């Protein structure tokens, strides 16, 4: 059996043909359309490319979904709804729909962490921040759409993903570059355009660059500590586009939490990079379809 799996983000759609052994046989990437009609047209076009090899279709979407009715309701970085029942091929093939953060967490948990943990929280850093919560070995969904960690308010007008998403890292690097184009960080950023350079300890940062980095690490650490206090999870897993170049992101968070927080008679959860890196959401979409058939 082959699943045509999609990991839809606010900027790009990553997808591939995945078999029942979770081997990705073919991969593709497309820009995310900005309205329902063009989005559905793209999905139809991609399906046509793989139709002879595809048994089922599964999509991870960046926001709120109505699984039963095959509707994407809304997302912070995709501000339009999508009725997947309008797809032509839905008449002949099953289609599965779920939140992208949930699918990433689902994939990481089942494939890599199930033996050792029952409670996992995953954060995916990309255009926004996706979130998935595994509670007592099951996806925690509340009344249907729990886990939107990026939508935690940190003041009246600012959400968590506004300040610590990978998009926010890149924006901060651009601001630092515009302040001074001659620093080591600015010169490397000009060539690579990767926001996670902020966490590369091998770069000799200027003081103002360290302050910018430390503020992001502080906000990220505060979020993880708050989530731990709420859910008492066993482990954090971080993924998303940042896994291409994570540099020292996790060790910087570990150091900040160890220095600034105390958990008497408790251990703060380990923070680990996703095992499947950028493919967690894609594999999660495939797993959703495969396990739904059992």
C-alpha atoms as a PDB file:
ATOM      1  CA  UNK A   1       0.000   0.000   0.000  1.00  0.00           C
ATOM      2  CA  UNK A   2       1.206   3.521  -0.823  1.00  0.00           C
ATOM      3  CA  UNK A   3       0.067   6.698   0.901  1.00  0.00           C
ATOM      4  CA  UNK A   4       0.316  10.070  -0.803  1.00  0.00           C
ATOM      5  CA  UNK A   5       1.191  12.099   2.288  1.00  0.00           C
ATOM      6  CA  UNK A   6       1.228  15.887   2.678  1.00  0.00           C
ATOM      7  CA  UNK A   7       2.780  18.015   5.404  1.00  0.00           C
ATOM      8  CA  UNK A   8       1.226  21.422   4.750  1.00  0.00           C
ATOM      9  CA  UNK A   9       2.852  24.523   6.207  1.00  0.00           C
ATOM     10  CA  UNK A  10       2.121  28.209   5.942  1.00  0.00           C
ATOM     11  CA  UNK A  11       4.939  28.682   3.417  1.00  0.00           C
ATOM     12  CA  UNK A  12       5.520  25.320   1.747  1.00  0.00           C
ATOM     13  CA  UNK A  13       3.883  21.946   1.239  1.00  0.00           C
ATOM     14  CA  UNK A  14       6.215  19.000   1.725  1.00  0.00           C
ATOM     15  CA  UNK A  15       4.981  15.660   0.569  1.00  0.00           C
ATOM     16  CA  UNK A  16       5.837  12.253  -0.698  1.00  0.00           C
ATOM     17  CA  UNK A  17       4.775   8.749  -1.551  1.00  0.00           C
ATOM     18  CA  UNK A  18       5.169   6.548   1.539  1.00  0.00           C
ATOM     19  CA  UNK A  19       4.779   2.772   1.628  1.00  0.00           C
ATOM     20  CA  UNK A  20       3.415   0.577   4.420  1.00  0.00           C
ATOM     21  CA  UNK A  21       6.924   0.187   5.874  1.00  0.00           C
ATOM     22  CA  UNK A  22       7.141   4.001   6.175  1.00  0.00           C
ATOM     23  CA  UNK A  23       9.785   4.274   3.514  1.00  0.00           C
ATOM     24  CA  UNK A  24       9.539   7.546   1.595  1.00  0.00           C
ATOM     25  CA  UNK A  25       9.772   6.472  -2.040  1.00  0.00           C
ATOM     26  CA  UNK A  26       9.416   9.887  -3.691  1.00  0.00           C
ATOM     27  CA  UNK A  27       9.364  13.426  -2.306  1.00  0.00           C
ATOM     28  CA  UNK A  28       8.221  16.838  -3.516  1.00  0.00           C
ATOM     29  CA  UNK A  29       7.905  20.395  -2.251  1.00  0.00           C
ATOM     30  CA  UNK A  30       5.567  23.154  -3.422  1.00  0.00           C
ATOM     31  CA  UNK A  31       4.726  26.691  -2.358  1.00  0.00           C
ATOM     32  CA  UNK A  32       1.533  26.840  -0.294  1.00  0.00           C
ATOM     33  CA  UNK A  33      -1.317  28.476  -2.261  1.00  0.00           C
ATOM     34  CA  UNK A  34      -3.172  31.403  -0.699  1.00  0.00           C
ATOM     35  CA  UNK A  35      -6.806  30.467  -1.380  1.00  0.00           C
ATOM     36  CA  UNK A  36      -9.010  27.379  -1.367  1.00  0.00           C
ATOM     37  CA  UNK A  37      -9.475  26.990  -5.120  1.00  0.00           C
ATOM     38  CA  UNK A  38      -5.765  27.122  -5.956  1.00  0.00           C
ATOM     39  CA  UNK A  39      -4.923  24.880  -2.993  1.00  0.00           C
ATOM     40  CA  UNK A  40      -7.359  22.184  -4.123  1.00  0.00           C
ATOM     41  CA  UNK A  41      -6.137  22.493  -7.713  1.00  0.00           C
ATOM     42  CA  UNK A  42      -2.576  21.882  -6.561  1.00  0.00           C
ATOM     43  CA  UNK A  43      -3.586  18.822  -4.527  1.00  0.00           C
ATOM     44  CA  UNK A  44      -5.459  17.453  -7.557  1.00  0.00           C
ATOM     45  CA  UNK A  45      -2.441  18.076  -9.787  1.00  0.00           C
ATOM     46  CA  UNK A  46      -0.057  16.352  -7.370  1.00  0.00           C
ATOM     47  CA  UNK A  47      -2.450  13.431  -7.017  1.00  0.00           C
ATOM     48  CA  UNK A  48      -2.593  13.085 -10.800  1.00  0.00           C
ATOM     49  CA  UNK A  49       1.210  12.767 -10.853  1.00  0.00           C
ATOM     50  CA  UNK A  50       1.082   9.817  -8.459  1.00  0.00           C
ATOM     51  CA  UNK A  51      -2.445   8.467  -9.030  1.00  0.00           C
ATOM     52  CA  UNK A  52      -1.354   5.095 -10.431  1.00  0.00           C
ATOM     53  CA  UNK A  53       0.889   4.504  -7.406  1.00  0.00           C
ATOM     54  CA  UNK A  54      -1.452   5.920  -4.710  1.00  0.00           C
ATOM     55  CA  UNK A  55      -3.900   3.930  -2.608  1.00  0.00           C
ATOM     56  CA  UNK A  56      -4.858   6.612  -0.060  1.00  0.00           C
ATOM     57  CA  UNK A  57      -4.238  10.308   0.601  1.00  0.00           C
ATOM     58  CA  UNK A  58      -3.449  11.880   3.972  1.00  0.00           C
ATOM     59  CA  UNK A  59      -2.796  15.515   4.899  1.00  0.00           C
ATOM     60  CA  UNK A  60      -1.404  17.280   7.940  1.00  0.00           C
ATOM     61  CA  UNK A  61      -2.783  20.834   8.071  1.00  0.00           C
ATOM     62  CA  UNK A  62      -1.433  23.853  10.001  1.00  0.00           C
ATOM     63  CA  UNK A  63      -4.427  24.749  12.135  1.00  0.00           C
ATOM     64  CA  UNK A  64      -7.914  23.652  13.104  1.00  0.00           C
ATOM     65  CA  UNK A  65      -9.450  20.677  11.325  1.00  0.00           C
ATOM     66  CA  UNK A  66     -12.823  18.930  11.236  1.00  0.00           C
ATOM     67  CA  UNK A  67     -11.675  15.366  10.595  1.00  0.00           C
ATOM     68  CA  UNK A  68     -15.129  13.832  10.201  1.00  0.00           C
ATOM     69  CA  UNK A  69     -16.246  16.304   7.545  1.00  0.00           C
ATOM     70  CA  UNK A  70     -12.882  16.676   5.783  1.00  0.00           C
ATOM     71  CA  UNK A  71     -12.711  20.416   6.390  1.00  0.00           C
ATOM     72  CA  UNK A  72      -9.738  22.589   7.270  1.00  0.00           C
ATOM     73  CA  UNK A  73     -11.281  25.395   9.290  1.00  0.00           C
ATOM     74  CA  UNK A  74      -8.563  27.986   9.751  1.00  0.00           C
ATOM     75  CA  UNK A  75      -4.904  28.487  10.555  1.00  0.00           C
ATOM     76  CA  UNK A  76      -2.849  31.424  11.751  1.00  0.00           C
ATOM     77  CA  UNK A  77      -0.592  31.045   8.728  1.00  0.00           C
ATOM     78  CA  UNK A  78      -3.338  29.797   6.386  1.00  0.00           C
ATOM     79  CA  UNK A  79      -6.229  32.182   6.850  1.00  0.00           C
ATOM     80  CA  UNK A  80      -8.838  30.427   4.737  1.00  0.00           C
ATOM     81  CA  UNK A  81     -10.967  27.306   5.014  1.00  0.00           C
ATOM     82  CA  UNK A  82     -10.761  24.294   2.705  1.00  0.00           C
ATOM     83  CA  UNK A  83     -13.486  21.760   2.006  1.00  0.00           C
ATOM     84  CA  UNK A  84     -11.616  18.656   0.857  1.00  0.00           C
ATOM     85  CA  UNK A  85     -14.885  17.012  -0.216  1.00  0.00           C
ATOM     86  CA  UNK A  86     -14.559  19.159  -3.355  1.00  0.00           C
ATOM     87  CA  UNK A  87     -11.629  17.055  -4.536  1.00  0.00           C
ATOM     88  CA  UNK A  88     -12.511  14.866  -7.510  1.00  0.00           C
ATOM     89  CA  UNK A  89     -10.474  11.859  -6.401  1.00  0.00           C
ATOM     90  CA  UNK A  90     -12.264  11.639  -3.028  1.00  0.00           C
ATOM     91  CA  UNK A  91     -14.915   9.641  -4.877  1.00  0.00           C
ATOM     92  CA  UNK A  92     -12.478   6.809  -5.447  1.00  0.00           C
ATOM     93  CA  UNK A  93      -9.850   7.097  -2.699  1.00  0.00           C
ATOM     94  CA  UNK A  94      -9.981   7.587   1.046  1.00  0.00           C
ATOM     95  CA  UNK A  95      -8.614  10.858   2.361  1.00  0.00           C
ATOM     96  CA  UNK A  96      -7.439  11.527   5.915  1.00  0.00           C
ATOM     97  CA  UNK A  97      -7.016  14.887   7.600  1.00  0.00           C
ATOM     98  CA  UNK A  98      -5.367  15.948  10.868  1.00  0.00           C
ATOM     99  CA  UNK A  99      -3.492  18.819  12.489  1.00  0.00           C
ATOM    100  CA  UNK A 100       0.165  18.854  11.401  1.00  0.00           C
ATOM    101  CA  UNK A 101       1.606  19.191  14.901  1.00  0.00           C
ATOM    102  CA  UNK A 102      -0.465  16.247  16.109  1.00  0.00           C
ATOM    103  CA  UNK A 103       0.802  14.111  13.247  1.00  0.00           C
ATOM    104  CA  UNK A 104       4.439  15.023  13.871  1.00  0.00           C
ATOM    105  CA  UNK A 105       4.080  14.121  17.557  1.00  0.00           C
ATOM    106  CA  UNK A 106       2.188  10.933  16.637  1.00  0.00           C
ATOM    107  CA  UNK A 107       4.957   9.838  14.280  1.00  0.00           C
ATOM    108  CA  UNK A 108       7.815  10.588  16.661  1.00  0.00           C
ATOM    109  CA  UNK A 109       6.068   8.907  19.576  1.00  0.00           C
ATOM    110  CA  UNK A 110       5.063   5.690  17.815  1.00  0.00           C
ATOM    111  CA  UNK A 111       8.341   5.202  15.992  1.00  0.00           C
ATOM    112  CA  UNK A 112      10.915   6.397  18.504  1.00  0.00           C
ATOM    113  CA  UNK A 113       9.679   7.140  22.034  1.00  0.00           C
ATOM    114  CA  UNK A 114       6.802   4.789  22.857  1.00  0.00           C
ATOM    115  CA  UNK A 115       8.987   2.241  24.669  1.00  0.00           C
ATOM    116  CA  UNK A 116      10.318   4.740  27.184  1.00  0.00           C
ATOM    117  CA  UNK A 117       7.632   7.408  27.630  1.00  0.00           C
ATOM    118  CA  UNK A 118       3.865   7.864  27.924  1.00  0.00           C
ATOM    119  CA  UNK A 119       3.694  11.673  27.868  1.00  0.00           C
ATOM    120  CA  UNK A 120       5.380  13.654  25.113  1.00  0.00           C
ATOM    121  CA  UNK A 121       5.081  17.219  23.885  1.00  0.00           C
ATOM    122  CA  UNK A 122       6.373  18.132  20.448  1.00  0.00           C
ATOM    123  CA  UNK A 123       6.953  21.618  19.108  1.00  0.00           C
ATOM    124  CA  UNK A 124       7.626  22.175  15.416  1.00  0.00           C
ATOM    125  CA  UNK A 125       9.450  25.395  14.546  1.00  0.00           C
ATOM    126  CA  UNK A 126       8.676  26.766  11.095  1.00  0.00           C
ATOM    127  CA  UNK A 127       6.562  29.631   9.750  1.00  0.00           C
ATOM    128  CA  UNK A 128       4.710  29.329  13.056  1.00  0.00           C
ATOM    129  CA  UNK A 129       4.918  26.865  15.917  1.00  0.00           C
ATOM    130  CA  UNK A 130       3.011  23.634  15.620  1.00  0.00           C
ATOM    131  CA  UNK A 131       2.309  21.556  18.675  1.00  0.00           C
ATOM    132  CA  UNK A 132       1.333  18.007  19.461  1.00  0.00           C
ATOM    133  CA  UNK A 133       0.642  16.501  22.892  1.00  0.00           C
ATOM    134  CA  UNK A 134       0.782  12.788  23.664  1.00  0.00           C
ATOM    135  CA  UNK A 135      -0.932  12.115  27.001  1.00  0.00           C
ATOM    136  CA  UNK A 136      -0.972   8.579  28.397  1.00  0.00           C
ATOM    137  CA  UNK A 137       0.188   7.281  25.001  1.00  0.00           C
ATOM    138  CA  UNK A 138      -2.650   8.961  23.047  1.00  0.00           C
ATOM    139  CA  UNK A 139      -2.942  12.233  21.138  1.00  0.00           C
ATOM    140  CA  UNK A 140      -4.540  14.806  23.432  1.00  0.00           C
ATOM    141  CA  UNK A 141      -7.066  16.751  21.356  1.00  0.00           C
ATOM    142  CA  UNK A 142      -9.449  18.237  23.922  1.00  0.00           C
ATOM    143  CA  UNK A 143     -12.766  18.801  22.166  1.00  0.00           C
ATOM    144  CA  UNK A 144     -10.983  18.417  18.850  1.00  0.00           C
ATOM    145  CA  UNK A 145      -8.180  20.897  18.301  1.00  0.00           C
ATOM    146  CA  UNK A 146      -5.974  21.070  21.416  1.00  0.00           C
ATOM    147  CA  UNK A 147      -2.236  21.475  21.068  1.00  0.00           C
ATOM    148  CA  UNK A 148      -1.904  24.825  19.277  1.00  0.00           C
ATOM    149  CA  UNK A 149       1.095  25.776  21.418  1.00  0.00           C
ATOM    150  CA  UNK A 150       2.119  28.627  19.147  1.00  0.00           C
ATOM    151  CA  UNK A 151      -1.119  30.416  20.019  1.00  0.00           C
ATOM    152  CA  UNK A 152      -0.167  30.928  23.678  1.00  0.00           C
ATOM    153  CA  UNK A 153      -0.533  34.645  24.413  1.00  0.00           C
ATOM    154  CA  UNK A 154       2.527  36.287  25.957  1.00  0.00           C
ATOM    155  CA  UNK A 155       0.942  39.753  26.072  1.00  0.00           C
ATOM    156  CA  UNK A 156      -2.204  41.458  24.764  1.00  0.00           C
ATOM    157  CA  UNK A 157      -1.091  41.514  21.145  1.00  0.00           C
ATOM    158  CA  UNK A 158       1.646  38.904  20.810  1.00  0.00           C
ATOM    159  CA  UNK A 159       1.526  35.140  20.515  1.00  0.00           C
ATOM    160  CA  UNK A 160       4.365  32.773  21.327  1.00  0.00           C
ATOM    161  CA  UNK A 161       4.982  31.938  17.665  1.00  0.00           C
ATOM    162  CA  UNK A 162       5.424  35.634  16.892  1.00  0.00           C
ATOM    163  CA  UNK A 163       8.657  35.685  18.889  1.00  0.00           C
ATOM    164  CA  UNK A 164      10.158  32.176  18.859  1.00  0.00           C
ATOM    165  CA  UNK A 165       9.165  30.529  15.548  1.00  0.00           C
ATOM    166  CA  UNK A 166      11.846  29.835  12.938  1.00  0.00           C
ATOM    167  CA  UNK A 167      10.310  32.666  10.916  1.00  0.00           C
ATOM    168  CA  UNK A 168      10.861  34.975  13.902  1.00  0.00           C
ATOM    169  CA  UNK A 169      14.504  33.857  14.152  1.00  0.00           C
ATOM    170  CA  UNK A 170      15.067  34.761  10.502  1.00  0.00           C
ATOM    171  CA  UNK A 171      13.332  38.111  10.991  1.00  0.00           C
ATOM    172  CA  UNK A 172      15.583  38.873  13.966  1.00  0.00           C
ATOM    173  CA  UNK A 173      18.701  37.964  11.979  1.00  0.00           C
ATOM    174  CA  UNK A 174      17.545  40.297   9.201  1.00  0.00           C
ATOM    175  CA  UNK A 175      17.070  43.119  11.723  1.00  0.00           C
ATOM    176  CA  UNK A 176      20.561  42.519  13.114  1.00  0.00           C
ATOM    177  CA  UNK A 177      21.972  42.478   9.585  1.00  0.00           C
ATOM    178  CA  UNK A 178      20.353  45.823   8.821  1.00  0.00           C
ATOM    179  CA  UNK A 179      21.834  47.292  12.011  1.00  0.00           C
ATOM    180  CA  UNK A 180      25.369  46.218  11.118  1.00  0.00           C
ATOM    181  CA  UNK A 181      26.288  44.285   8.000  1.00  0.00           C
ATOM    182  CA  UNK A 182      29.904  43.780   9.024  1.00  0.00           C
ATOM    183  CA  UNK A 183      29.574  41.441  12.000  1.00  0.00           C
ATOM    184  CA  UNK A 184      30.481  37.773  11.594  1.00  0.00           C
ATOM    185  CA  UNK A 185      26.872  36.758  12.103  1.00  0.00           C
ATOM    186  CA  UNK A 186      25.624  39.233   9.486  1.00  0.00           C
ATOM    187  CA  UNK A 187      28.144  38.092   6.900  1.00  0.00           C
ATOM    188  CA  UNK A 188      27.188  34.435   7.327  1.00  0.00           C
ATOM    189  CA  UNK A 189      23.459  35.235   7.421  1.00  0.00           C
ATOM    190  CA  UNK A 190      23.794  37.213   4.158  1.00  0.00           C
ATOM    191  CA  UNK A 191      25.040  34.036   2.477  1.00  0.00           C
ATOM    192  CA  UNK A 192      22.861  31.397   4.153  1.00  0.00           C
ATOM    193  CA  UNK A 193      19.639  33.213   5.177  1.00  0.00           C
ATOM    194  CA  UNK A 194      19.105  30.741   8.049  1.00  0.00           C
ATOM    195  CA  UNK A 195      17.642  32.131  11.283  1.00  0.00           C
ATOM    196  CA  UNK A 196      18.988  29.297  13.436  1.00  0.00           C
ATOM    197  CA  UNK A 197      22.471  30.788  12.962  1.00  0.00           C
ATOM    198  CA  UNK A 198      21.546  32.738  16.093  1.00  0.00           C
ATOM    199  CA  UNK A 199      22.261  29.543  18.019  1.00  0.00           C
ATOM    200  CA  UNK A 200      25.622  28.708  16.456  1.00  0.00           C
ATOM    201  CA  UNK A 201      28.176  28.998  19.262  1.00  0.00           C
ATOM    202  CA  UNK A 202      31.068  28.817  16.813  1.00  0.00           C
ATOM    203  CA  UNK A 203      30.234  32.357  15.627  1.00  0.00           C
ATOM    204  CA  UNK A 204      31.807  35.199  17.585  1.00  0.00           C
ATOM    205  CA  UNK A 205      28.702  37.292  18.372  1.00  0.00           C
ATOM    206  CA  UNK A 206      28.626  40.975  19.175  1.00  0.00           C
ATOM    207  CA  UNK A 207      26.993  41.916  22.485  1.00  0.00           C
ATOM    208  CA  UNK A 208      23.737  43.111  20.919  1.00  0.00           C
ATOM    209  CA  UNK A 209      23.493  39.845  18.954  1.00  0.00           C
ATOM    210  CA  UNK A 210      23.955  37.818  22.134  1.00  0.00           C
ATOM    211  CA  UNK A 211      21.160  39.793  23.761  1.00  0.00           C
ATOM    212  CA  UNK A 212      18.822  39.039  20.851  1.00  0.00           C
ATOM    213  CA  UNK A 213      19.693  35.343  20.977  1.00  0.00           C
ATOM    214  CA  UNK A 214      19.348  35.162  24.755  1.00  0.00           C
ATOM    215  CA  UNK A 215      15.880  36.751  24.629  1.00  0.00           C
ATOM    216  CA  UNK A 216      14.654  34.042  22.227  1.00  0.00           C
ATOM    217  CA  UNK A 217      16.192  31.329  24.404  1.00  0.00           C
ATOM    218  CA  UNK A 218      14.550  32.867  27.477  1.00  0.00           C
ATOM    219  CA  UNK A 219      11.094  33.001  25.856  1.00  0.00           C
ATOM    220  CA  UNK A 220      11.437  29.437  24.553  1.00  0.00           C
ATOM    221  CA  UNK A 221      12.593  28.164  27.944  1.00  0.00           C
ATOM    222  CA  UNK A 222       9.724  29.910  29.714  1.00  0.00           C
ATOM    223  CA  UNK A 223       7.264  28.255  27.337  1.00  0.00           C
ATOM    224  CA  UNK A 224       8.711  24.793  27.932  1.00  0.00           C
ATOM    225  CA  UNK A 225       8.682  25.248  31.696  1.00  0.00           C
ATOM    226  CA  UNK A 226       5.049  26.394  31.570  1.00  0.00           C
ATOM    227  CA  UNK A 227       4.066  23.403  29.458  1.00  0.00           C
ATOM    228  CA  UNK A 228       5.849  21.061  31.856  1.00  0.00           C
ATOM    229  CA  UNK A 229       3.987  22.537  34.819  1.00  0.00           C
ATOM    230  CA  UNK A 230       0.680  22.127  32.994  1.00  0.00           C
ATOM    231  CA  UNK A 231       1.124  18.640  31.542  1.00  0.00           C
ATOM    232  CA  UNK A 232       3.890  17.003  33.601  1.00  0.00           C
ATOM    233  CA  UNK A 233       5.294  15.446  30.432  1.00  0.00           C
ATOM    234  CA  UNK A 234       8.231  13.050  30.255  1.00  0.00           C
ATOM    235  CA  UNK A 235      10.000  14.487  27.221  1.00  0.00           C
ATOM    236  CA  UNK A 236      10.019  17.398  24.769  1.00  0.00           C
ATOM    237  CA  UNK A 237      10.725  16.809  21.086  1.00  0.00           C
ATOM    238  CA  UNK A 238      11.516  19.721  18.783  1.00  0.00           C
ATOM    239  CA  UNK A 239      11.193  19.537  15.020  1.00  0.00           C
ATOM    240  CA  UNK A 240      10.143  21.432  11.919  1.00  0.00           C
ATOM    241  CA  UNK A 241      12.246  23.270   9.366  1.00  0.00           C
ATOM    242  CA  UNK A 242      14.799  24.205  12.042  1.00  0.00           C
ATOM    243  CA  UNK A 243      16.032  20.603  12.147  1.00  0.00           C
ATOM    244  CA  UNK A 244      18.035  21.234   8.972  1.00  0.00           C
ATOM    245  CA  UNK A 245      20.432  23.395  10.981  1.00  0.00           C
ATOM    246  CA  UNK A 246      19.647  23.220  14.718  1.00  0.00           C
ATOM    247  CA  UNK A 247      23.132  24.271  15.824  1.00  0.00           C
ATOM    248  CA  UNK A 248      23.194  24.667  19.633  1.00  0.00           C
ATOM    249  CA  UNK A 249      19.521  25.507  20.120  1.00  0.00           C
ATOM    250  CA  UNK A 250      18.763  22.677  22.542  1.00  0.00           C
ATOM    251  CA  UNK A 251      21.924  23.007  24.636  1.00  0.00           C
ATOM    252  CA  UNK A 252      21.325  26.745  25.053  1.00  0.00           C
ATOM    253  CA  UNK A 253      17.795  26.029  26.337  1.00  0.00           C
ATOM    254  CA  UNK A 254      19.093  23.308  28.675  1.00  0.00           C
ATOM    255  CA  UNK A 255      21.644  25.694  30.139  1.00  0.00           C
ATOM    256  CA  UNK A 256      19.136  28.499  30.614  1.00  0.00           C
ATOM    257  CA  UNK A 257      16.615  26.255  32.380  1.00  0.00           C
ATOM    258  CA  UNK A 258      19.265  24.657  34.613  1.00  0.00           C
ATOM    259  CA  UNK A 259      20.536  28.095  35.612  1.00  0.00           C
ATOM    260  CA  UNK A 260      17.210  29.844  36.175  1.00  0.00           C
ATOM    261  CA  UNK A 261      14.718  27.220  37.363  1.00  0.00           C
ATOM    262  CA  UNK A 262      14.532  24.747  40.206  1.00  0.00           C
ATOM    263  CA  UNK A 263      12.310  21.664  40.315  1.00  0.00           C
ATOM    264  CA  UNK A 264      12.603  20.210  43.841  1.00  0.00           C
ATOM    265  CA  UNK A 265      12.367  16.423  43.839  1.00  0.00           C
ATOM    266  CA  UNK A 266      11.437  16.449  40.144  1.00  0.00           C
ATOM    267  CA  UNK A 267      13.384  16.159  36.917  1.00  0.00           C
ATOM    268  CA  UNK A 268      12.724  18.528  34.050  1.00  0.00           C
ATOM    269  CA  UNK A 269      12.056  16.552  30.854  1.00  0.00           C
ATOM    270  CA  UNK A 270      14.765  15.841  28.321  1.00  0.00           C
ATOM    271  CA  UNK A 271      14.652  17.978  25.189  1.00  0.00           C
ATOM    272  CA  UNK A 272      15.468  16.040  22.031  1.00  0.00           C
ATOM    273  CA  UNK A 273      15.611  16.774  18.344  1.00  0.00           C
ATOM    274  CA  UNK A 274      13.031  14.876  16.307  1.00  0.00           C
ATOM    275  CA  UNK A 275      14.426  11.608  14.996  1.00  0.00           C
ATOM    276  CA  UNK A 276      12.828  12.000  11.566  1.00  0.00           C
ATOM    277  CA  UNK A 277      13.851  15.668  11.381  1.00  0.00           C
ATOM    278  CA  UNK A 278      11.747  17.485   8.760  1.00  0.00           C
ATOM    279  CA  UNK A 279       9.908  14.302   7.772  1.00  0.00           C
ATOM    280  CA  UNK A 280       8.027  13.822  11.064  1.00  0.00           C
ATOM    281  CA  UNK A 281       4.825  15.416   9.773  1.00  0.00           C
ATOM    282  CA  UNK A 282       4.987  13.590   6.452  1.00  0.00           C
ATOM    283  CA  UNK A 283       5.465  10.211   8.146  1.00  0.00           C
ATOM    284  CA  UNK A 284       2.748  11.072  10.668  1.00  0.00           C
ATOM    285  CA  UNK A 285       0.295  11.646   7.828  1.00  0.00           C
ATOM    286  CA  UNK A 286       1.190   8.252   6.371  1.00  0.00           C
ATOM    287  CA  UNK A 287       0.826   6.578   9.782  1.00  0.00           C
ATOM    288  CA  UNK A 288      -2.624   8.125  10.229  1.00  0.00           C
ATOM    289  CA  UNK A 289      -3.849   6.466   7.047  1.00  0.00           C
ATOM    290  CA  UNK A 290      -2.113   3.136   7.669  1.00  0.00           C
ATOM    291  CA  UNK A 291      -3.335   2.808  11.258  1.00  0.00           C
ATOM    292  CA  UNK A 292      -6.866   3.859  10.354  1.00  0.00           C
ATOM    293  CA  UNK A 293      -7.077   0.793   8.126  1.00  0.00           C
ATOM    294  CA  UNK A 294      -6.195  -1.654  10.910  1.00  0.00           C
END
